[in-house]
């Protein structure tokens, strides 16, 4: 890269990093529709210099099987709600409730960051899924719950909800066995 292009790229990357670090975000922001998802909510600061004491993540409707990852030194709670239509889960057992929210309680100093893991299955369809999150601190709280209208950028609000974008995988090239080394099938 030329020095001017490298400088411009570095400035752009720093601006993006500072924007992302000012918010609570998912560590993996893209996933395939109808797929399993494993990622984490990253908390990079407290509230006005105060330590974080709890993180509550609301699980959007249609997201099934949400499970929190336990954290040493933190307690974890899940709030459940009944499903309108029971489904069949792993092992053929009836599923009658879904996780509505997950709350971790502990202590995260303002000058440190941490990640809070979630495993789930995403619903079908492409597009964003917003996970409103409330960060409660020793004094005060931050409500990362703002959801943009269609067509508006995610970071157009001061406190946007963490988002996972469901993106269909790009179609891959057709598998031509004869093009693979050692796979000459012309005479067979």
C-alpha atoms as a PDB file:
ATOM      1  CA  UNK A   1       0.000   0.000   0.000  1.00  0.00           C
ATOM      2  CA  UNK A   2       1.113   3.532  -0.667  1.00  0.00           C
ATOM      3  CA  UNK A   3       1.802   5.665   2.430  1.00  0.00           C
ATOM      4  CA  UNK A   4      -1.198   7.959   1.777  1.00  0.00           C
ATOM      5  CA  UNK A   5      -3.570   5.019   1.311  1.00  0.00           C
ATOM      6  CA  UNK A   6      -2.136   3.294   4.381  1.00  0.00           C
ATOM      7  CA  UNK A   7      -2.623   6.455   6.472  1.00  0.00           C
ATOM      8  CA  UNK A   8      -6.204   6.861   5.233  1.00  0.00           C
ATOM      9  CA  UNK A   9      -6.931   3.185   5.968  1.00  0.00           C
ATOM     10  CA  UNK A  10      -5.448   3.498   9.484  1.00  0.00           C
ATOM     11  CA  UNK A  11      -7.584   6.582  10.196  1.00  0.00           C
ATOM     12  CA  UNK A  12     -10.714   4.788   8.926  1.00  0.00           C
ATOM     13  CA  UNK A  13      -9.945   1.686  11.027  1.00  0.00           C
ATOM     14  CA  UNK A  14      -9.347   3.805  14.134  1.00  0.00           C
ATOM     15  CA  UNK A  15     -12.651   5.636  13.627  1.00  0.00           C
ATOM     16  CA  UNK A  16     -14.513   2.342  13.255  1.00  0.00           C
ATOM     17  CA  UNK A  17     -12.784   0.869  16.297  1.00  0.00           C
ATOM     18  CA  UNK A  18     -13.576   3.876  18.452  1.00  0.00           C
ATOM     19  CA  UNK A  19     -17.235   3.770  17.385  1.00  0.00           C
ATOM     20  CA  UNK A  20     -17.501   0.048  18.108  1.00  0.00           C
ATOM     21  CA  UNK A  21     -15.663   0.315  21.416  1.00  0.00           C
ATOM     22  CA  UNK A  22     -18.108   2.976  22.596  1.00  0.00           C
ATOM     23  CA  UNK A  23     -21.018   0.537  22.280  1.00  0.00           C
ATOM     24  CA  UNK A  24     -21.952  -2.886  23.588  1.00  0.00           C
ATOM     25  CA  UNK A  25     -21.657  -5.199  20.573  1.00  0.00           C
ATOM     26  CA  UNK A  26     -21.635  -8.848  19.542  1.00  0.00           C
ATOM     27  CA  UNK A  27     -18.231 -10.380  18.881  1.00  0.00           C
ATOM     28  CA  UNK A  28     -19.687 -12.115  15.786  1.00  0.00           C
ATOM     29  CA  UNK A  29     -22.005  -9.757  13.945  1.00  0.00           C
ATOM     30  CA  UNK A  30     -22.996 -11.999  11.010  1.00  0.00           C
ATOM     31  CA  UNK A  31     -24.527 -15.454  10.885  1.00  0.00           C
ATOM     32  CA  UNK A  32     -26.572 -17.567   8.501  1.00  0.00           C
ATOM     33  CA  UNK A  33     -30.375 -17.659   8.857  1.00  0.00           C
ATOM     34  CA  UNK A  34     -31.783 -20.765  10.596  1.00  0.00           C
ATOM     35  CA  UNK A  35     -28.294 -21.617  11.870  1.00  0.00           C
ATOM     36  CA  UNK A  36     -26.781 -22.170  15.257  1.00  0.00           C
ATOM     37  CA  UNK A  37     -24.967 -19.146  16.626  1.00  0.00           C
ATOM     38  CA  UNK A  38     -22.258 -18.937  19.263  1.00  0.00           C
ATOM     39  CA  UNK A  39     -20.912 -15.498  20.110  1.00  0.00           C
ATOM     40  CA  UNK A  40     -20.684 -13.016  22.927  1.00  0.00           C
ATOM     41  CA  UNK A  41     -21.797  -9.567  23.983  1.00  0.00           C
ATOM     42  CA  UNK A  42     -18.663  -7.423  24.482  1.00  0.00           C
ATOM     43  CA  UNK A  43     -18.827  -4.819  27.267  1.00  0.00           C
ATOM     44  CA  UNK A  44     -15.958  -2.376  26.863  1.00  0.00           C
ATOM     45  CA  UNK A  45     -16.699   0.182  29.605  1.00  0.00           C
ATOM     46  CA  UNK A  46     -18.857   0.985  32.618  1.00  0.00           C
ATOM     47  CA  UNK A  47     -21.273   3.888  33.157  1.00  0.00           C
ATOM     48  CA  UNK A  48     -19.603   7.291  33.528  1.00  0.00           C
ATOM     49  CA  UNK A  49     -16.556   5.675  35.138  1.00  0.00           C
ATOM     50  CA  UNK A  50     -18.560   3.332  37.406  1.00  0.00           C
ATOM     51  CA  UNK A  51     -18.102  -0.477  37.349  1.00  0.00           C
ATOM     52  CA  UNK A  52     -20.698  -2.685  35.648  1.00  0.00           C
ATOM     53  CA  UNK A  53     -22.673  -4.879  38.073  1.00  0.00           C
ATOM     54  CA  UNK A  54     -25.083  -6.609  35.667  1.00  0.00           C
ATOM     55  CA  UNK A  55     -25.802  -7.157  31.976  1.00  0.00           C
ATOM     56  CA  UNK A  56     -29.331  -8.134  30.892  1.00  0.00           C
ATOM     57  CA  UNK A  57     -29.821  -9.219  27.275  1.00  0.00           C
ATOM     58  CA  UNK A  58     -33.347  -9.522  25.849  1.00  0.00           C
ATOM     59  CA  UNK A  59     -33.652 -12.408  23.381  1.00  0.00           C
ATOM     60  CA  UNK A  60     -35.793 -11.416  20.365  1.00  0.00           C
ATOM     61  CA  UNK A  61     -38.906 -13.411  19.453  1.00  0.00           C
ATOM     62  CA  UNK A  62     -38.137 -16.260  17.077  1.00  0.00           C
ATOM     63  CA  UNK A  63     -34.681 -16.899  18.538  1.00  0.00           C
ATOM     64  CA  UNK A  64     -34.814 -20.371  20.090  1.00  0.00           C
ATOM     65  CA  UNK A  65     -32.711 -22.363  22.495  1.00  0.00           C
ATOM     66  CA  UNK A  66     -30.755 -19.435  23.949  1.00  0.00           C
ATOM     67  CA  UNK A  67     -28.179 -20.554  26.511  1.00  0.00           C
ATOM     68  CA  UNK A  68     -25.818 -18.339  28.488  1.00  0.00           C
ATOM     69  CA  UNK A  69     -22.171 -19.213  28.995  1.00  0.00           C
ATOM     70  CA  UNK A  70     -21.301 -19.264  32.704  1.00  0.00           C
ATOM     71  CA  UNK A  71     -18.586 -16.861  33.886  1.00  0.00           C
ATOM     72  CA  UNK A  72     -16.311 -17.313  36.878  1.00  0.00           C
ATOM     73  CA  UNK A  73     -17.214 -14.743  39.531  1.00  0.00           C
ATOM     74  CA  UNK A  74     -20.620 -13.990  37.973  1.00  0.00           C
ATOM     75  CA  UNK A  75     -24.074 -15.468  38.569  1.00  0.00           C
ATOM     76  CA  UNK A  76     -26.369 -16.030  35.609  1.00  0.00           C
ATOM     77  CA  UNK A  77     -30.172 -16.065  35.478  1.00  0.00           C
ATOM     78  CA  UNK A  78     -32.577 -16.781  32.647  1.00  0.00           C
ATOM     79  CA  UNK A  79     -36.142 -15.511  32.412  1.00  0.00           C
ATOM     80  CA  UNK A  80     -38.467 -17.799  30.445  1.00  0.00           C
ATOM     81  CA  UNK A  81     -41.832 -17.298  28.786  1.00  0.00           C
ATOM     82  CA  UNK A  82     -44.323 -19.836  27.407  1.00  0.00           C
ATOM     83  CA  UNK A  83     -44.301 -20.521  23.679  1.00  0.00           C
ATOM     84  CA  UNK A  84     -47.549 -19.805  21.829  1.00  0.00           C
ATOM     85  CA  UNK A  85     -47.066 -23.106  19.987  1.00  0.00           C
ATOM     86  CA  UNK A  86     -44.958 -25.818  21.669  1.00  0.00           C
ATOM     87  CA  UNK A  87     -42.265 -27.360  19.474  1.00  0.00           C
ATOM     88  CA  UNK A  88     -40.162 -30.500  19.524  1.00  0.00           C
ATOM     89  CA  UNK A  89     -36.590 -30.025  20.681  1.00  0.00           C
ATOM     90  CA  UNK A  90     -33.443 -32.122  20.714  1.00  0.00           C
ATOM     91  CA  UNK A  91     -34.125 -35.709  21.697  1.00  0.00           C
ATOM     92  CA  UNK A  92     -37.784 -35.429  20.697  1.00  0.00           C
ATOM     93  CA  UNK A  93     -38.815 -33.683  23.914  1.00  0.00           C
ATOM     94  CA  UNK A  94     -41.595 -31.079  23.889  1.00  0.00           C
ATOM     95  CA  UNK A  95     -40.383 -27.492  24.251  1.00  0.00           C
ATOM     96  CA  UNK A  96     -43.026 -25.321  25.920  1.00  0.00           C
ATOM     97  CA  UNK A  97     -40.953 -22.267  26.995  1.00  0.00           C
ATOM     98  CA  UNK A  98     -38.251 -20.055  25.526  1.00  0.00           C
ATOM     99  CA  UNK A  99     -35.556 -17.931  27.112  1.00  0.00           C
ATOM    100  CA  UNK A 100     -36.794 -14.320  27.089  1.00  0.00           C
ATOM    101  CA  UNK A 101     -33.745 -12.727  28.751  1.00  0.00           C
ATOM    102  CA  UNK A 102     -30.368 -13.564  30.260  1.00  0.00           C
ATOM    103  CA  UNK A 103     -28.805 -11.632  33.149  1.00  0.00           C
ATOM    104  CA  UNK A 104     -25.228 -11.904  34.373  1.00  0.00           C
ATOM    105  CA  UNK A 105     -24.426 -10.352  37.799  1.00  0.00           C
ATOM    106  CA  UNK A 106     -20.908  -9.661  39.009  1.00  0.00           C
ATOM    107  CA  UNK A 107     -18.423  -6.793  38.885  1.00  0.00           C
ATOM    108  CA  UNK A 108     -16.531  -5.410  35.890  1.00  0.00           C
ATOM    109  CA  UNK A 109     -14.347  -2.344  36.559  1.00  0.00           C
ATOM    110  CA  UNK A 110     -14.768   0.565  34.131  1.00  0.00           C
ATOM    111  CA  UNK A 111     -11.162   0.264  32.900  1.00  0.00           C
ATOM    112  CA  UNK A 112     -11.606  -3.395  31.850  1.00  0.00           C
ATOM    113  CA  UNK A 113     -13.692  -5.196  29.230  1.00  0.00           C
ATOM    114  CA  UNK A 114     -15.322  -8.612  29.191  1.00  0.00           C
ATOM    115  CA  UNK A 115     -17.481 -10.840  26.993  1.00  0.00           C
ATOM    116  CA  UNK A 116     -20.712 -12.626  27.909  1.00  0.00           C
ATOM    117  CA  UNK A 117     -21.295 -15.753  25.800  1.00  0.00           C
ATOM    118  CA  UNK A 118     -24.561 -16.825  24.205  1.00  0.00           C
ATOM    119  CA  UNK A 119     -25.407 -19.929  22.185  1.00  0.00           C
ATOM    120  CA  UNK A 120     -28.686 -20.058  20.260  1.00  0.00           C
ATOM    121  CA  UNK A 121     -30.459 -20.911  17.011  1.00  0.00           C
ATOM    122  CA  UNK A 122     -31.383 -18.008  14.740  1.00  0.00           C
ATOM    123  CA  UNK A 123     -34.739 -17.831  12.949  1.00  0.00           C
ATOM    124  CA  UNK A 124     -35.101 -18.061   9.160  1.00  0.00           C
ATOM    125  CA  UNK A 125     -34.958 -14.967   6.976  1.00  0.00           C
ATOM    126  CA  UNK A 126     -32.258 -12.441   6.276  1.00  0.00           C
ATOM    127  CA  UNK A 127     -31.781  -9.142   8.050  1.00  0.00           C
ATOM    128  CA  UNK A 128     -30.845  -7.772  11.439  1.00  0.00           C
ATOM    129  CA  UNK A 129     -31.826  -9.209  14.817  1.00  0.00           C
ATOM    130  CA  UNK A 130     -31.567  -6.752  17.708  1.00  0.00           C
ATOM    131  CA  UNK A 131     -30.832  -7.855  21.281  1.00  0.00           C
ATOM    132  CA  UNK A 132     -31.749  -4.929  23.584  1.00  0.00           C
ATOM    133  CA  UNK A 133     -29.278  -4.878  26.473  1.00  0.00           C
ATOM    134  CA  UNK A 134     -29.307  -3.055  29.810  1.00  0.00           C
ATOM    135  CA  UNK A 135     -25.988  -2.419  31.547  1.00  0.00           C
ATOM    136  CA  UNK A 136     -26.487  -1.668  35.255  1.00  0.00           C
ATOM    137  CA  UNK A 137     -23.575  -0.039  37.052  1.00  0.00           C
ATOM    138  CA  UNK A 138     -22.672   0.882  40.608  1.00  0.00           C
ATOM    139  CA  UNK A 139     -24.297   4.266  39.926  1.00  0.00           C
ATOM    140  CA  UNK A 140     -26.586   4.584  36.930  1.00  0.00           C
ATOM    141  CA  UNK A 141     -27.152   2.411  33.893  1.00  0.00           C
ATOM    142  CA  UNK A 142     -26.870   2.386  30.112  1.00  0.00           C
ATOM    143  CA  UNK A 143     -29.835   1.164  28.070  1.00  0.00           C
ATOM    144  CA  UNK A 144     -28.444  -0.236  24.796  1.00  0.00           C
ATOM    145  CA  UNK A 145     -31.970  -0.660  23.422  1.00  0.00           C
ATOM    146  CA  UNK A 146     -32.352   1.696  20.458  1.00  0.00           C
ATOM    147  CA  UNK A 147     -33.380  -0.019  17.217  1.00  0.00           C
ATOM    148  CA  UNK A 148     -33.108   1.934  13.956  1.00  0.00           C
ATOM    149  CA  UNK A 149     -35.940   2.192  11.461  1.00  0.00           C
ATOM    150  CA  UNK A 150     -35.418   0.309   8.201  1.00  0.00           C
ATOM    151  CA  UNK A 151     -32.728   1.957   6.118  1.00  0.00           C
ATOM    152  CA  UNK A 152     -31.107   3.860   8.992  1.00  0.00           C
ATOM    153  CA  UNK A 153     -27.591   2.862  10.070  1.00  0.00           C
ATOM    154  CA  UNK A 154     -27.184   0.864  13.263  1.00  0.00           C
ATOM    155  CA  UNK A 155     -24.943   3.467  14.874  1.00  0.00           C
ATOM    156  CA  UNK A 156     -27.283   6.406  14.154  1.00  0.00           C
ATOM    157  CA  UNK A 157     -28.285   6.345  17.846  1.00  0.00           C
ATOM    158  CA  UNK A 158     -26.163   6.990  20.925  1.00  0.00           C
ATOM    159  CA  UNK A 159     -27.103   3.622  22.489  1.00  0.00           C
ATOM    160  CA  UNK A 160     -27.949   1.088  19.751  1.00  0.00           C
ATOM    161  CA  UNK A 161     -29.003  -2.455  20.675  1.00  0.00           C
ATOM    162  CA  UNK A 162     -26.410  -5.138  19.846  1.00  0.00           C
ATOM    163  CA  UNK A 163     -27.209  -6.670  16.458  1.00  0.00           C
ATOM    164  CA  UNK A 164     -26.604  -9.902  14.554  1.00  0.00           C
ATOM    165  CA  UNK A 165     -27.100  -9.637  10.799  1.00  0.00           C
ATOM    166  CA  UNK A 166     -28.527 -12.780   9.243  1.00  0.00           C
ATOM    167  CA  UNK A 167     -26.841 -13.128   5.872  1.00  0.00           C
ATOM    168  CA  UNK A 168     -27.351 -16.055   3.500  1.00  0.00           C
ATOM    169  CA  UNK A 169     -24.047 -17.727   2.625  1.00  0.00           C
ATOM    170  CA  UNK A 170     -22.715 -16.777  -0.790  1.00  0.00           C
ATOM    171  CA  UNK A 171     -23.096 -19.584  -3.289  1.00  0.00           C
ATOM    172  CA  UNK A 172     -19.799 -21.399  -3.670  1.00  0.00           C
ATOM    173  CA  UNK A 173     -18.227 -22.576  -6.889  1.00  0.00           C
ATOM    174  CA  UNK A 174     -19.492 -25.845  -8.262  1.00  0.00           C
ATOM    175  CA  UNK A 175     -17.315 -28.760  -7.277  1.00  0.00           C
ATOM    176  CA  UNK A 176     -15.651 -29.958 -10.468  1.00  0.00           C
ATOM    177  CA  UNK A 177     -13.846 -33.115  -9.410  1.00  0.00           C
ATOM    178  CA  UNK A 178     -11.668 -33.105 -12.546  1.00  0.00           C
ATOM    179  CA  UNK A 179     -10.256 -29.716 -11.590  1.00  0.00           C
ATOM    180  CA  UNK A 180      -9.004 -31.013  -8.244  1.00  0.00           C
ATOM    181  CA  UNK A 181      -5.388 -32.237  -8.135  1.00  0.00           C
ATOM    182  CA  UNK A 182      -5.150 -35.998  -8.306  1.00  0.00           C
ATOM    183  CA  UNK A 183      -8.810 -36.313  -9.338  1.00  0.00           C
ATOM    184  CA  UNK A 184      -8.527 -36.870 -13.098  1.00  0.00           C
ATOM    185  CA  UNK A 185     -11.647 -38.870 -13.900  1.00  0.00           C
ATOM    186  CA  UNK A 186     -11.554 -38.381 -17.697  1.00  0.00           C
ATOM    187  CA  UNK A 187     -10.781 -41.965 -18.543  1.00  0.00           C
ATOM    188  CA  UNK A 188     -12.709 -43.679 -15.786  1.00  0.00           C
END
